[in-house]
């Protein structure tokens, strides 16, 4: 006969299954804190998403009240929990060669360049974007050391770890040609069957770093021939968007390009940029 659960076990199971209350006051405070730390604007309809993501942190920490969790955060501005808080509330939707019209433009821009061609992927997520950039440049410029470099950053440290590992499911490479898959990836065997890993000669051209786009002191190794900042601005308010774009200006080489997401319009935000192609921007002519 199975023994009954102890009081402590019963309490733990109840905590794991019971929905914890998220008050209006606590939700508004969460929205304020993520805006202050990461510039992300959370609308009211994101409330369930916020709950579902943060309740995991509460349960990991053994807490059963959102007020206690917020108090824990605010008690120490340098607490490691802040990074977990940010990681929980960032959205990471990406794919290899997403918005594929950008990559022929990048290849043509690289073809016309001299010296080391440098690209910044400003929201690298789990790595599909910077590796797509790297594959494009390797196809166009070859793999010689010093010919090109990709700097890949994200505010979310968890997704950056996955990006640096360079391990993906085979089916995630469906937008690559068979030649690209064979040249730039190694297939897993045995327990790793169905997985692929980015080859080191490609990965060695990419530097990963955690960067908060709001941090004016962030160590960004500019200047760049191109900056990819796609589907990021949609999470910020207009003031934050304008501040970030203004920081891009000195980080671009003359004639440099900025690639935006399909629903983003940078020329409406800043006089510094003008539309060069489909969601591709360059510095205004007086600045370039």
Protein backbone atom coordinates (compact mmCIF):
# COMPACT_ATOMS: atom_id res chain seq x y z
CA UNK A 1 0.00 0.00 0.00
CA UNK A 2 1.33 3.45 -0.92
CA UNK A 3 2.05 5.66 2.08
CA UNK A 4 0.19 8.99 2.26
CA UNK A 5 2.06 12.15 1.35
CA UNK A 6 3.66 14.10 4.14
CA UNK A 7 2.35 17.59 4.94
CA UNK A 8 5.41 19.15 3.30
CA UNK A 9 4.96 17.10 0.12
CA UNK A 10 1.28 17.96 -0.05
CA UNK A 11 2.06 21.65 0.36
CA UNK A 12 4.66 21.49 -2.43
CA UNK A 13 2.29 19.70 -4.81
CA UNK A 14 -0.45 22.24 -4.08
CA UNK A 15 1.97 25.09 -4.83
CA UNK A 16 2.92 23.45 -8.13
CA UNK A 17 -0.70 23.06 -9.29
CA UNK A 18 -2.48 26.06 -7.77
CA UNK A 19 -2.68 29.24 -9.85
CA UNK A 20 -0.97 32.07 -8.01
CA UNK A 21 -2.76 35.43 -8.05
CA UNK A 22 -1.20 38.18 -10.17
CA UNK A 23 -2.72 41.49 -9.06
CA UNK A 24 -3.09 44.57 -11.26
CA UNK A 25 -0.53 46.34 -9.08
CA UNK A 26 2.05 43.56 -9.47
CA UNK A 27 1.46 43.28 -13.22
CA UNK A 28 1.97 47.04 -13.66
CA UNK A 29 5.15 46.86 -11.59
CA UNK A 30 6.48 44.00 -13.72
CA UNK A 31 5.77 46.11 -16.82
CA UNK A 32 7.63 49.06 -15.31
CA UNK A 33 10.64 46.98 -14.35
CA UNK A 34 11.08 45.27 -17.74
CA UNK A 35 10.72 48.65 -19.42
CA UNK A 36 13.36 50.21 -17.17
CA UNK A 37 15.79 47.32 -17.60
CA UNK A 38 15.26 46.33 -21.23
CA UNK A 39 13.04 48.95 -22.87
CA UNK A 40 10.39 46.32 -23.58
CA UNK A 41 6.78 47.55 -23.57
CA UNK A 42 4.24 44.97 -22.35
CA UNK A 43 0.61 45.60 -23.27
CA UNK A 44 -2.31 44.42 -21.14
CA UNK A 45 -3.01 41.47 -23.44
CA UNK A 46 0.44 40.07 -22.53
CA UNK A 47 -0.69 39.44 -18.96
CA UNK A 48 -1.16 35.67 -19.38
CA UNK A 49 2.21 35.39 -21.10
CA UNK A 50 3.86 37.30 -18.24
CA UNK A 51 2.19 35.05 -15.68
CA UNK A 52 3.09 31.79 -17.44
CA UNK A 53 6.74 32.74 -17.83
CA UNK A 54 7.37 34.29 -14.43
CA UNK A 55 5.45 31.72 -12.39
CA UNK A 56 8.19 29.23 -13.32
CA UNK A 57 10.74 31.50 -11.66
CA UNK A 58 8.61 31.78 -8.52
CA UNK A 59 8.29 28.01 -8.26
CA UNK A 60 12.00 27.50 -8.93
CA UNK A 61 12.74 29.90 -6.07
CA UNK A 62 10.11 28.37 -3.77
CA UNK A 63 7.96 31.53 -3.74
CA UNK A 64 4.16 31.64 -3.83
CA UNK A 65 3.58 35.40 -4.14
CA UNK A 66 4.48 37.77 -6.98
CA UNK A 67 4.96 40.55 -4.45
CA UNK A 68 7.69 38.54 -2.73
CA UNK A 69 9.38 37.96 -6.09
CA UNK A 70 9.30 41.65 -6.98
CA UNK A 71 10.64 42.48 -3.53
CA UNK A 72 13.51 40.05 -4.12
CA UNK A 73 14.37 41.81 -7.38
CA UNK A 74 14.15 45.32 -6.01
CA UNK A 75 16.18 44.51 -2.90
CA UNK A 76 19.32 44.10 -5.01
CA UNK A 77 19.78 46.00 -8.27
CA UNK A 78 22.74 43.74 -9.14
CA UNK A 79 21.10 40.42 -8.35
CA UNK A 80 21.60 37.60 -10.87
CA UNK A 81 17.82 37.15 -10.75
CA UNK A 82 17.46 40.27 -12.91
CA UNK A 83 18.95 38.37 -15.84
CA UNK A 84 16.56 35.47 -15.26
CA UNK A 85 13.70 38.01 -15.14
CA UNK A 86 14.77 39.50 -18.49
CA UNK A 87 15.34 36.08 -20.05
CA UNK A 88 11.82 35.04 -19.02
CA UNK A 89 10.12 38.01 -20.67
CA UNK A 90 12.01 38.28 -23.96
CA UNK A 91 10.55 36.74 -27.12
CA UNK A 92 12.82 34.75 -29.41
CA UNK A 93 11.17 33.91 -32.73
CA UNK A 94 13.73 33.23 -35.43
CA UNK A 95 14.73 30.93 -38.29
CA UNK A 96 17.56 30.41 -40.75
CA UNK A 97 17.38 32.94 -43.61
CA UNK A 98 14.23 34.51 -42.19
CA UNK A 99 13.11 37.44 -44.39
CA UNK A 100 15.28 35.99 -47.11
CA UNK A 101 15.23 39.05 -49.38
CA UNK A 102 17.86 40.65 -47.13
CA UNK A 103 20.64 38.18 -47.81
CA UNK A 104 21.20 38.86 -51.54
CA UNK A 105 21.40 42.56 -50.62
CA UNK A 106 24.01 41.73 -47.97
CA UNK A 107 25.97 39.59 -50.45
CA UNK A 108 26.02 42.38 -53.03
CA UNK A 109 27.12 44.90 -50.41
CA UNK A 110 29.93 42.58 -49.29
CA UNK A 111 31.02 41.96 -52.88
CA UNK A 112 31.69 45.66 -53.34
CA UNK A 113 33.62 46.05 -50.09
CA UNK A 114 37.33 46.25 -49.39
CA UNK A 115 39.09 45.35 -46.16
CA UNK A 116 37.39 43.33 -43.41
CA UNK A 117 33.62 43.26 -43.87
CA UNK A 118 31.94 43.50 -40.47
CA UNK A 119 28.30 42.85 -39.55
CA UNK A 120 26.45 43.21 -36.24
CA UNK A 121 23.47 40.97 -35.51
CA UNK A 122 21.92 43.05 -32.72
CA UNK A 123 19.27 40.52 -31.69
CA UNK A 124 20.96 37.20 -32.35
CA UNK A 125 18.48 35.08 -30.38
CA UNK A 126 19.35 31.38 -30.72
CA UNK A 127 21.82 32.05 -33.52
CA UNK A 128 19.94 31.42 -36.74
CA UNK A 129 20.36 35.02 -37.91
CA UNK A 130 24.12 35.42 -37.32
CA UNK A 131 24.81 31.99 -38.83
CA UNK A 132 22.70 32.92 -41.88
CA UNK A 133 24.77 36.10 -42.20
CA UNK A 134 27.98 34.08 -41.83
CA UNK A 135 26.91 31.56 -44.48
CA UNK A 136 26.07 34.40 -46.87
CA UNK A 137 29.47 36.02 -46.35
CA UNK A 138 31.35 32.72 -46.57
CA UNK A 139 29.60 31.94 -49.86
CA UNK A 140 30.43 35.39 -51.20
CA UNK A 141 33.87 36.15 -49.72
CA UNK A 142 35.30 32.77 -48.77
CA UNK A 143 36.63 31.75 -45.38
CA UNK A 144 40.03 33.46 -45.31
CA UNK A 145 40.87 34.86 -41.84
CA UNK A 146 40.40 38.63 -41.61
CA UNK A 147 38.11 38.89 -44.63
CA UNK A 148 34.86 39.16 -42.65
CA UNK A 149 33.52 39.05 -39.10
CA UNK A 150 30.09 38.83 -37.44
CA UNK A 151 29.39 40.30 -34.00
CA UNK A 152 26.26 38.67 -32.53
CA UNK A 153 24.53 39.96 -29.40
CA UNK A 154 21.33 39.54 -27.44
CA UNK A 155 20.01 40.64 -24.06
CA UNK A 156 18.90 37.07 -23.27
CA UNK A 157 21.85 35.02 -22.01
CA UNK A 158 20.02 31.69 -22.32
CA UNK A 159 19.45 32.01 -26.06
CA UNK A 160 23.03 33.17 -26.54
CA UNK A 161 24.26 29.94 -24.94
CA UNK A 162 22.28 27.96 -27.51
CA UNK A 163 23.61 30.18 -30.29
CA UNK A 164 27.19 29.61 -29.20
CA UNK A 165 26.66 25.85 -29.06
CA UNK A 166 25.68 25.92 -32.75
CA UNK A 167 23.53 22.79 -32.43
CA UNK A 168 20.21 22.58 -34.31
CA UNK A 169 17.69 20.03 -35.50
CA UNK A 170 18.22 18.83 -39.05
CA UNK A 171 14.75 20.03 -40.11
CA UNK A 172 15.62 23.60 -39.10
CA UNK A 173 18.01 23.80 -42.08
CA UNK A 174 15.27 23.45 -44.70
CA UNK A 175 15.96 26.96 -46.08
CA UNK A 176 19.62 26.08 -46.80
CA UNK A 177 20.79 24.46 -50.01
CA UNK A 178 22.18 20.89 -49.76
CA UNK A 179 25.61 22.34 -50.56
CA UNK A 180 25.39 24.85 -47.69
CA UNK A 181 24.23 22.16 -45.26
CA UNK A 182 27.13 19.90 -46.21
CA UNK A 183 29.73 22.67 -46.21
CA UNK A 184 28.83 24.45 -42.98
CA UNK A 185 27.31 21.75 -40.71
CA UNK A 186 28.28 18.37 -39.28
CA UNK A 187 25.60 15.71 -38.88
CA UNK A 188 25.18 14.04 -35.52
CA UNK A 189 25.32 10.27 -35.18
CA UNK A 190 24.12 7.76 -32.60
CA UNK A 191 22.36 9.58 -29.74
CA UNK A 192 22.79 12.84 -31.70
CA UNK A 193 21.08 11.55 -34.84
CA UNK A 194 18.80 14.23 -36.30
CA UNK A 195 20.98 17.04 -34.95
CA UNK A 196 23.60 19.14 -36.72
CA UNK A 197 26.42 21.34 -35.45
CA UNK A 198 27.93 24.42 -37.11
CA UNK A 199 31.45 23.68 -38.34
CA UNK A 200 34.16 25.44 -36.39
CA UNK A 201 35.70 27.18 -39.42
CA UNK A 202 32.42 29.09 -39.86
CA UNK A 203 31.77 29.59 -36.14
CA UNK A 204 35.25 31.06 -35.65
CA UNK A 205 34.18 34.11 -37.67
CA UNK A 206 31.44 34.95 -35.12
CA UNK A 207 31.83 36.65 -31.74
CA UNK A 208 28.90 36.36 -29.30
CA UNK A 209 28.30 38.77 -26.41
CA UNK A 210 25.39 39.74 -24.11
CA UNK A 211 24.35 43.29 -24.98
CA UNK A 212 21.43 45.40 -23.74
CA UNK A 213 20.59 47.86 -26.52
CA UNK A 214 19.63 50.42 -23.87
CA UNK A 215 23.12 50.35 -22.32
CA UNK A 216 24.98 53.43 -23.55
CA UNK A 217 28.25 51.97 -22.27
CA UNK A 218 27.83 48.57 -23.93
CA UNK A 219 31.10 47.30 -25.46
CA UNK A 220 30.06 47.22 -29.11
CA UNK A 221 33.09 46.84 -31.40
CA UNK A 222 32.01 49.13 -34.24
CA UNK A 223 32.23 50.27 -36.97
CA UNK A 224 30.15 47.96 -39.13
CA UNK A 225 29.37 47.61 -42.81
CA UNK A 226 25.90 46.36 -41.87
CA UNK A 227 23.69 46.13 -38.80
CA UNK A 228 20.81 43.66 -38.56
CA UNK A 229 18.21 44.91 -36.08
CA UNK A 230 15.16 43.01 -37.23
CA UNK A 231 11.85 42.56 -35.39
CA UNK A 232 13.29 44.16 -32.25
CA UNK A 233 12.00 47.73 -32.39
CA UNK A 234 8.41 46.49 -32.26
CA UNK A 235 8.92 45.74 -28.54
CA UNK A 236 10.01 49.33 -27.73
CA UNK A 237 8.16 52.63 -27.57
CA UNK A 238 8.96 55.39 -30.07
CA UNK A 239 11.37 57.26 -27.78
CA UNK A 240 13.41 54.11 -27.14
CA UNK A 241 13.40 53.25 -30.84
CA UNK A 242 14.79 56.69 -31.69
CA UNK A 243 17.48 56.45 -29.01
CA UNK A 244 18.67 53.08 -30.31
CA UNK A 245 18.76 54.27 -33.92
CA UNK A 246 20.78 57.34 -32.91
CA UNK A 247 23.38 55.01 -31.38
CA UNK A 248 23.64 53.08 -34.62
CA UNK A 249 24.80 56.16 -36.56
CA UNK A 250 28.42 56.32 -35.29
CA UNK A 251 28.65 52.51 -35.42
CA UNK A 252 28.12 52.41 -39.20
CA UNK A 253 30.86 52.79 -41.77
CA UNK A 254 30.19 55.26 -44.60
CA UNK A 255 27.74 53.59 -46.95
CA UNK A 256 26.74 51.07 -44.28
CA UNK A 257 23.33 49.40 -44.26
CA UNK A 258 20.77 48.69 -41.53
CA UNK A 259 18.33 45.81 -42.00
CA UNK A 260 14.91 46.10 -40.32
CA UNK A 261 12.04 43.69 -39.79
CA UNK A 262 9.12 43.49 -42.21
CA UNK A 263 6.82 45.60 -40.01
CA UNK A 264 9.38 48.24 -38.99
CA UNK A 265 9.95 51.64 -40.62
CA UNK A 266 13.15 53.40 -39.57
CA UNK A 267 12.84 56.41 -41.87
CA UNK A 268 9.65 57.36 -40.00
CA UNK A 269 11.63 57.30 -36.75
CA UNK A 270 14.83 59.08 -37.69
CA UNK A 271 15.99 61.61 -40.26
CA UNK A 272 19.39 59.93 -40.11
CA UNK A 273 18.19 57.02 -42.27
CA UNK A 274 16.65 56.69 -45.71
CA UNK A 275 15.09 53.67 -47.39
CA UNK A 276 17.48 51.89 -49.76
CA UNK A 277 15.38 48.80 -50.50
CA UNK A 278 12.75 46.56 -48.92
CA UNK A 279 13.30 47.24 -45.17
CA UNK A 280 16.95 48.12 -45.88
CA UNK A 281 18.20 51.54 -44.76
CA UNK A 282 21.31 53.64 -45.22
CA UNK A 283 22.50 56.81 -43.55
CA UNK A 284 21.03 59.96 -45.02
CA UNK A 285 23.21 61.33 -47.83
CA UNK A 286 24.57 64.22 -45.80
CA UNK A 287 25.87 61.75 -43.18
CA UNK A 288 27.18 59.02 -45.47
